[in-house]
Amino acid sequence: MAKSKSRLANIPTSQLDCLVSTMKTLENEYVMEQIKQSGIDIKNGKVRRVREFLEEL
């Protein structure tokens, strides 16, 4: 088996924070299911205008 070499990456803190947030989202099964369901709802036309939604609040 070949030995792997370690490498160092230098990225801004803001990008690292975004990456960590994305990883947390992808690891959260509940959130991922909600995102999947949202895509299905959009495909099925279950959408409404923002103004309509805000008026209900």
Protein backbone atom coordinates (compact mmCIF):
# COMPACT_ATOMS: atom_id res chain seq x y z
CA MET A 1 0.00 0.00 0.00
CA ALA A 2 1.34 3.44 -0.91
CA LYS A 3 2.08 5.93 1.82
CA SER A 4 -0.02 9.08 1.70
CA LYS A 5 1.61 12.45 2.17
CA SER A 6 0.19 15.04 4.52
CA ARG A 7 -0.68 18.38 2.99
CA LEU A 8 -1.52 21.69 4.57
CA ALA A 9 -4.31 23.90 3.23
CA ASN A 10 -4.58 27.57 4.07
CA ILE A 11 -8.12 28.92 3.82
CA PRO A 12 -9.76 31.99 5.37
CA THR A 13 -11.58 31.46 8.66
CA SER A 14 -14.89 32.53 7.10
CA GLN A 15 -14.64 29.76 4.49
CA LEU A 16 -13.72 27.22 7.16
CA ASP A 17 -16.78 28.28 9.18
CA CYS A 18 -18.96 27.79 6.09
CA LEU A 19 -17.45 24.36 5.46
CA VAL A 20 -18.07 23.27 9.06
CA SER A 21 -21.68 24.51 8.87
CA THR A 22 -22.22 22.61 5.63
CA MET A 23 -20.81 19.44 7.14
CA LYS A 24 -23.10 19.77 10.16
CA THR A 25 -26.09 20.19 7.85
CA LEU A 26 -25.15 17.14 5.79
CA GLU A 27 -24.76 15.06 8.97
CA ASN A 28 -28.19 16.07 10.33
CA GLU A 29 -30.66 13.46 9.07
CA TYR A 30 -33.71 15.52 10.05
CA VAL A 31 -32.53 18.61 8.15
CA MET A 32 -31.56 16.56 5.10
CA GLU A 33 -35.00 14.92 5.04
CA GLN A 34 -36.64 18.37 5.22
CA ILE A 35 -34.49 19.58 2.30
CA LYS A 36 -35.41 16.47 0.29
CA GLN A 37 -39.12 16.95 1.06
CA SER A 38 -38.88 20.61 0.05
CA GLY A 39 -37.55 19.59 -3.36
CA ILE A 40 -40.44 17.17 -3.78
CA ASP A 41 -42.94 19.86 -2.74
CA ILE A 42 -41.49 22.31 -5.29
CA LYS A 43 -41.70 19.71 -8.08
CA ASN A 44 -45.34 19.05 -7.13
CA GLY A 45 -46.21 22.74 -7.19
CA LYS A 46 -46.69 23.05 -3.43
CA VAL A 47 -45.31 26.58 -3.31
CA ARG A 48 -46.68 30.00 -2.51
CA ARG A 49 -45.56 33.58 -2.75
CA VAL A 50 -43.57 35.06 0.11
CA ARG A 51 -46.14 37.82 0.61
CA GLU A 52 -48.88 35.25 1.11
CA PHE A 53 -46.78 33.45 3.68
CA LEU A 54 -45.89 36.66 5.53
CA GLU A 55 -49.55 37.71 5.70
CA GLU A 56 -50.30 34.52 7.64
CA LEU A 57 -47.75 35.37 10.34
